[in-house]
Amino acid sequence: MITQKNHTGSRLFNDFCKDIGLKRADSICGSQIKCTYYQDTTAKQSVIDHIFISERLTTYVKQYFVIDDIVYLSDHYPLGCEIVLSNLSPSNHSGCNKNQRGLRWRWDKADLDRYYNITSELLQRIYIPKHLLLDTCGMSNCTHWQYINNYYMDIVSALHNAMISCVPRHLSNYFRPFWNDELKDLKQASVDAYRLWKQCDKPKDGIVNKIG
């Protein structure tokens, strides 16, 4: 259950789960997920988020995973657990799939100008059901909700497609949070100085030595 066995809170929680028949979904799958929480400013990460299910459902778990196809701003990753209950037979699925995904949409690295242009183009193509403002809707055969749902889904689809085209998706620790343009320029200056010093046969004194 909870791995900190020597911690009083962990022992109490594990006993509680045992008493009511709960198990951690990732322990069933042998999940290889390395991170469910990542703090950008400190680059700290850990696995502190879990899904618990009834022991009676353990044989029906198909996969346990990080949900990475939505936009979220929290430091905690959304988790998913797929349970197959078709005919209540555990033999109807291929078993638990391991999932190591921990990708995030990096809006801070996005091409926002291109995103603006693509969303503008895609949204202008969407059919707007303006007639709903004038039409009356009967209680027994109202179809307004269908038009409204379609309109909503078209907007979501347009925004999502634009995001796929313009926003990179990487592992949470792919980018170094402390890195910026100033540090990038300083690093390049250091590399250039070293190359100059090397090209000058690595002098031990003089101006080039001080630069290198």
Protein backbone atom coordinates (compact mmCIF):
# COMPACT_ATOMS: atom_id res chain seq x y z
CA MET A 1 0.00 0.00 0.00
CA ILE A 2 1.79 3.13 1.20
CA THR A 3 5.53 2.42 1.17
CA GLN A 4 6.60 4.35 4.29
CA LYS A 5 5.93 1.42 6.61
CA ASN A 6 7.66 2.98 9.60
CA HIS A 7 5.48 6.07 9.45
CA THR A 8 2.54 5.99 11.87
CA GLY A 9 0.18 7.60 9.39
CA SER A 10 1.18 5.10 6.70
CA ARG A 11 0.55 2.14 9.00
CA LEU A 12 -2.86 3.46 10.02
CA PHE A 13 -3.84 4.14 6.43
CA ASN A 14 -2.65 0.71 5.26
CA ASP A 15 -4.62 -0.95 8.05
CA PHE A 16 -7.67 1.07 7.08
CA CYS A 17 -7.38 0.00 3.42
CA LYS A 18 -6.92 -3.62 4.44
CA ASP A 19 -10.01 -3.51 6.66
CA ILE A 20 -12.30 -2.17 3.91
CA GLY A 21 -10.70 -4.10 1.03
CA LEU A 22 -8.92 -1.40 -0.98
CA LYS A 23 -5.78 -1.76 -3.07
CA ARG A 24 -3.62 0.74 -4.91
CA ALA A 25 -4.21 0.42 -8.64
CA ASP A 26 -0.58 0.96 -9.57
CA SER A 27 0.52 -1.91 -7.31
CA ILE A 28 -1.73 -4.22 -9.32
CA CYS A 29 -0.28 -3.12 -12.64
CA GLY A 30 3.31 -2.89 -11.52
CA SER A 31 3.20 0.61 -12.94
CA GLN A 32 6.45 2.18 -14.13
CA ILE A 33 5.19 5.74 -13.68
CA LYS A 34 8.05 7.72 -12.15
CA CYS A 35 6.28 10.98 -11.40
CA THR A 36 2.78 12.20 -10.53
CA TYR A 37 3.86 15.52 -9.06
CA TYR A 38 6.37 17.99 -10.49
CA GLN A 39 7.18 21.45 -9.20
CA ASP A 40 8.60 23.63 -11.97
CA THR A 41 10.39 26.20 -9.83
CA THR A 42 12.31 23.65 -7.74
CA ALA A 43 12.40 20.76 -10.25
CA LYS A 44 11.25 18.42 -7.45
CA GLN A 45 9.16 15.41 -8.39
CA SER A 46 7.60 12.42 -6.67
CA VAL A 47 4.85 9.83 -6.86
CA ILE A 48 2.32 11.05 -4.30
CA ASP A 49 -0.96 10.62 -6.18
CA HIS A 50 -2.75 7.27 -6.31
CA ILE A 51 -6.02 5.60 -7.25
CA PHE A 52 -7.49 3.00 -4.88
CA ILE A 53 -9.97 0.34 -5.99
CA SER A 54 -11.84 -2.53 -4.39
CA GLU A 55 -9.90 -5.78 -4.11
CA ARG A 56 -12.78 -7.47 -5.92
CA LEU A 57 -11.92 -5.48 -9.05
CA THR A 58 -8.19 -6.17 -9.15
CA THR A 59 -8.46 -8.86 -11.84
CA TYR A 60 -10.37 -6.47 -14.09
CA VAL A 61 -7.75 -3.69 -14.15
CA LYS A 62 -6.44 -3.22 -17.69
CA GLN A 63 -4.15 -0.21 -17.34
CA TYR A 64 -3.07 2.53 -15.00
CA PHE A 65 -1.72 5.72 -16.52
CA VAL A 66 -1.06 9.42 -16.46
CA ILE A 67 -3.59 11.39 -18.53
CA ASP A 68 -1.53 13.58 -20.86
CA ASP A 69 -3.99 14.59 -23.59
CA ILE A 70 -5.67 17.44 -21.72
CA VAL A 71 -4.59 20.88 -20.59
CA TYR A 72 -4.00 21.21 -16.85
CA LEU A 73 -2.21 23.81 -14.78
CA SER A 74 -1.73 21.89 -11.56
CA ASP A 75 1.60 20.49 -10.36
CA HIS A 76 -0.25 17.19 -9.88
CA TYR A 77 -0.80 15.02 -12.96
CA PRO A 78 -4.28 13.58 -13.55
CA LEU A 79 -4.32 9.79 -13.28
CA GLY A 80 -6.51 7.23 -14.99
CA CYS A 81 -7.35 3.60 -14.31
CA GLU A 82 -9.13 1.50 -16.93
CA ILE A 83 -11.26 -1.32 -15.57
CA VAL A 84 -12.85 -3.81 -17.97
CA LEU A 85 -16.12 -5.26 -16.66
CA SER A 86 -17.36 -6.87 -19.88
CA ASN A 87 -19.28 -9.98 -18.83
CA LEU A 88 -17.42 -9.70 -15.51
CA SER A 89 -14.75 -11.99 -16.87
CA PRO A 90 -11.07 -11.16 -16.35
CA SER A 91 -10.17 -13.31 -19.36
CA ASN A 92 -11.82 -10.81 -21.72
CA HIS A 93 -8.85 -8.46 -21.74
CA SER A 94 -5.13 -8.86 -22.37
CA GLY A 95 -4.05 -7.89 -18.87
CA CYS A 96 -2.66 -4.82 -17.22
CA ASN A 97 -0.69 -2.50 -19.49
CA LYS A 98 2.16 -0.50 -18.02
CA ASN A 99 2.19 3.15 -18.90
CA GLN A 100 5.13 5.43 -18.33
CA ARG A 101 3.67 8.57 -19.79
CA GLY A 102 4.32 11.77 -17.92
CA LEU A 103 4.08 14.31 -20.71
CA ARG A 104 2.87 17.87 -20.29
CA TRP A 105 1.78 20.53 -22.72
CA ARG A 106 4.43 23.25 -22.42
CA TRP A 107 2.55 26.48 -23.08
CA ASP A 108 5.59 28.44 -21.93
CA LYS A 109 7.41 27.06 -24.99
CA ALA A 110 4.50 27.44 -27.42
CA ASP A 111 4.47 29.43 -30.65
CA LEU A 112 1.66 31.72 -29.49
CA ASP A 113 1.53 33.83 -32.66
CA ARG A 114 0.99 30.72 -34.77
CA TYR A 115 -1.53 29.39 -32.26
CA TYR A 116 -3.45 32.67 -32.49
CA ASN A 117 -3.51 32.50 -36.30
CA ILE A 118 -4.54 28.84 -36.46
CA THR A 119 -7.30 29.20 -33.88
CA SER A 120 -8.60 32.27 -35.70
CA GLU A 121 -8.75 30.32 -38.96
CA LEU A 122 -10.31 27.19 -37.47
CA LEU A 123 -12.89 29.03 -35.37
CA GLN A 124 -14.07 31.03 -38.36
CA ARG A 125 -14.95 27.76 -40.12
CA ILE A 126 -17.32 26.66 -37.38
CA TYR A 127 -21.03 26.78 -38.09
CA ILE A 128 -22.80 29.03 -35.58
CA PRO A 129 -26.41 27.96 -34.92
CA LYS A 130 -27.79 31.51 -34.81
CA HIS A 131 -31.30 30.28 -35.59
CA LEU A 132 -31.56 28.98 -32.03
CA LEU A 133 -31.94 32.58 -30.86
CA LEU A 134 -35.18 32.87 -32.85
CA ASP A 135 -36.61 29.35 -32.89
CA THR A 136 -38.88 28.06 -30.17
CA CYS A 137 -38.22 24.64 -28.73
CA GLY A 138 -40.99 22.24 -27.85
CA MET A 139 -40.75 20.27 -24.64
CA SER A 140 -41.21 16.88 -26.33
CA ASN A 141 -39.08 17.24 -29.48
CA CYS A 142 -36.49 19.93 -28.71
CA THR A 143 -33.29 19.61 -30.73
CA HIS A 144 -31.57 22.77 -29.50
CA TRP A 145 -29.27 20.81 -27.21
CA GLN A 146 -27.89 18.87 -30.20
CA TYR A 147 -26.91 22.08 -31.99
CA ILE A 148 -25.42 23.50 -28.80
CA ASN A 149 -23.39 20.35 -28.10
CA ASN A 150 -22.13 20.24 -31.68
CA TYR A 151 -21.16 23.90 -31.50
CA TYR A 152 -19.31 23.34 -28.25
CA MET A 153 -17.48 20.25 -29.53
CA ASP A 154 -16.44 22.08 -32.71
CA ILE A 155 -14.86 24.85 -30.61
CA VAL A 156 -13.04 22.35 -28.37
CA SER A 157 -11.80 20.43 -31.41
CA ALA A 158 -10.49 23.61 -33.06
CA LEU A 159 -8.60 24.67 -29.95
CA HIS A 160 -7.19 21.19 -29.41
CA ASN A 161 -5.99 20.86 -33.02
CA ALA A 162 -4.31 24.26 -32.81
CA MET A 163 -2.65 23.22 -29.56
CA ILE A 164 -1.27 20.03 -31.13
CA SER A 165 0.28 22.11 -33.93
CA CYS A 166 1.80 24.85 -31.80
CA VAL A 167 2.45 23.60 -28.27
CA PRO A 168 5.28 21.13 -27.60
CA ARG A 169 4.72 18.22 -25.26
CA HIS A 170 7.59 16.85 -23.22
CA LEU A 171 8.38 15.07 -20.01
CA SER A 172 8.00 17.34 -17.03
CA ASN A 173 11.74 17.63 -16.39
CA TYR A 174 12.71 17.97 -20.06
CA PHE A 175 13.21 21.72 -19.72
CA ARG A 176 15.36 23.20 -16.98
CA PRO A 177 13.19 25.72 -15.10
CA PHE A 178 16.18 27.90 -14.17
CA TRP A 179 17.41 28.25 -17.77
CA ASN A 180 16.74 31.52 -19.60
CA ASP A 181 18.04 33.56 -22.54
CA GLU A 182 20.64 35.35 -20.42
CA LEU A 183 22.19 32.08 -19.24
CA LYS A 184 22.06 30.76 -22.78
CA ASP A 185 24.05 33.78 -24.03
CA LEU A 186 26.58 33.42 -21.20
CA LYS A 187 27.09 29.76 -21.98
CA GLN A 188 27.63 30.51 -25.67
CA ALA A 189 30.15 33.25 -24.77
CA SER A 190 32.02 30.76 -22.58
CA VAL A 191 32.11 28.19 -25.37
CA ASP A 192 33.36 30.77 -27.89
CA ALA A 193 36.09 31.94 -25.48
CA TYR A 194 37.25 28.37 -24.91
CA ARG A 195 37.42 27.70 -28.65
CA LEU A 196 39.48 30.86 -29.20
CA TRP A 197 41.86 29.87 -26.39
CA LYS A 198 42.22 26.39 -27.91
CA GLN A 199 42.84 27.76 -31.41
CA CYS A 200 45.65 29.94 -29.99
CA ASP A 201 47.46 26.82 -28.66
CA LYS A 202 46.13 27.29 -25.13
CA PRO A 203 48.36 30.14 -23.95
CA LYS A 204 49.15 30.21 -20.24
CA ASP A 205 49.17 33.99 -20.00
CA GLY A 206 48.12 37.09 -21.88
CA ILE A 207 44.73 38.42 -23.02
CA VAL A 208 43.57 35.19 -24.68
CA ASN A 209 44.39 33.22 -21.53
CA LYS A 210 42.27 35.57 -19.44
CA ILE A 211 39.40 35.35 -21.93
CA GLY A 212 39.56 31.56 -22.07
